[in-house]
Amino acid sequence: MLEWQFSLLLLSNGVLIGLMYALIALGFVLVYKATDAVNFAQGEFVMIAGFVVAGCLGVWGCRCGWPSRSRS
C-alpha cells in the first residue's frame, strides 16, 4: 500500500471515529438537557446497535474482520 493511500485511510478512519464520538456526546447532551439527569445506559444502546449491525452484515455475507465459517 502506498504512503498516500495509508494516509487517506488513517484520515477517513479518524473522521469516522470522531463522528461516532460526536453522535454519542450529542445523545448525552440531549438526554441531559431534557431530563436534568445523566443517563449512562446509552452505552448499552450503542452496543446493541453494534451487535445488530454485525449480525446483519454476517447474514449478508460480510466477514466483519472475523474468519469466515465453513459452510458445509
Foldseek 3Di string as FASTA:
>chain_A
DDPVVVVVVVVVVVVVVVVVVVVLVVVQVVVCVVPVDGDPCVVVVVVVVVVVVVVVCVVVPHCVPPDDDDDD
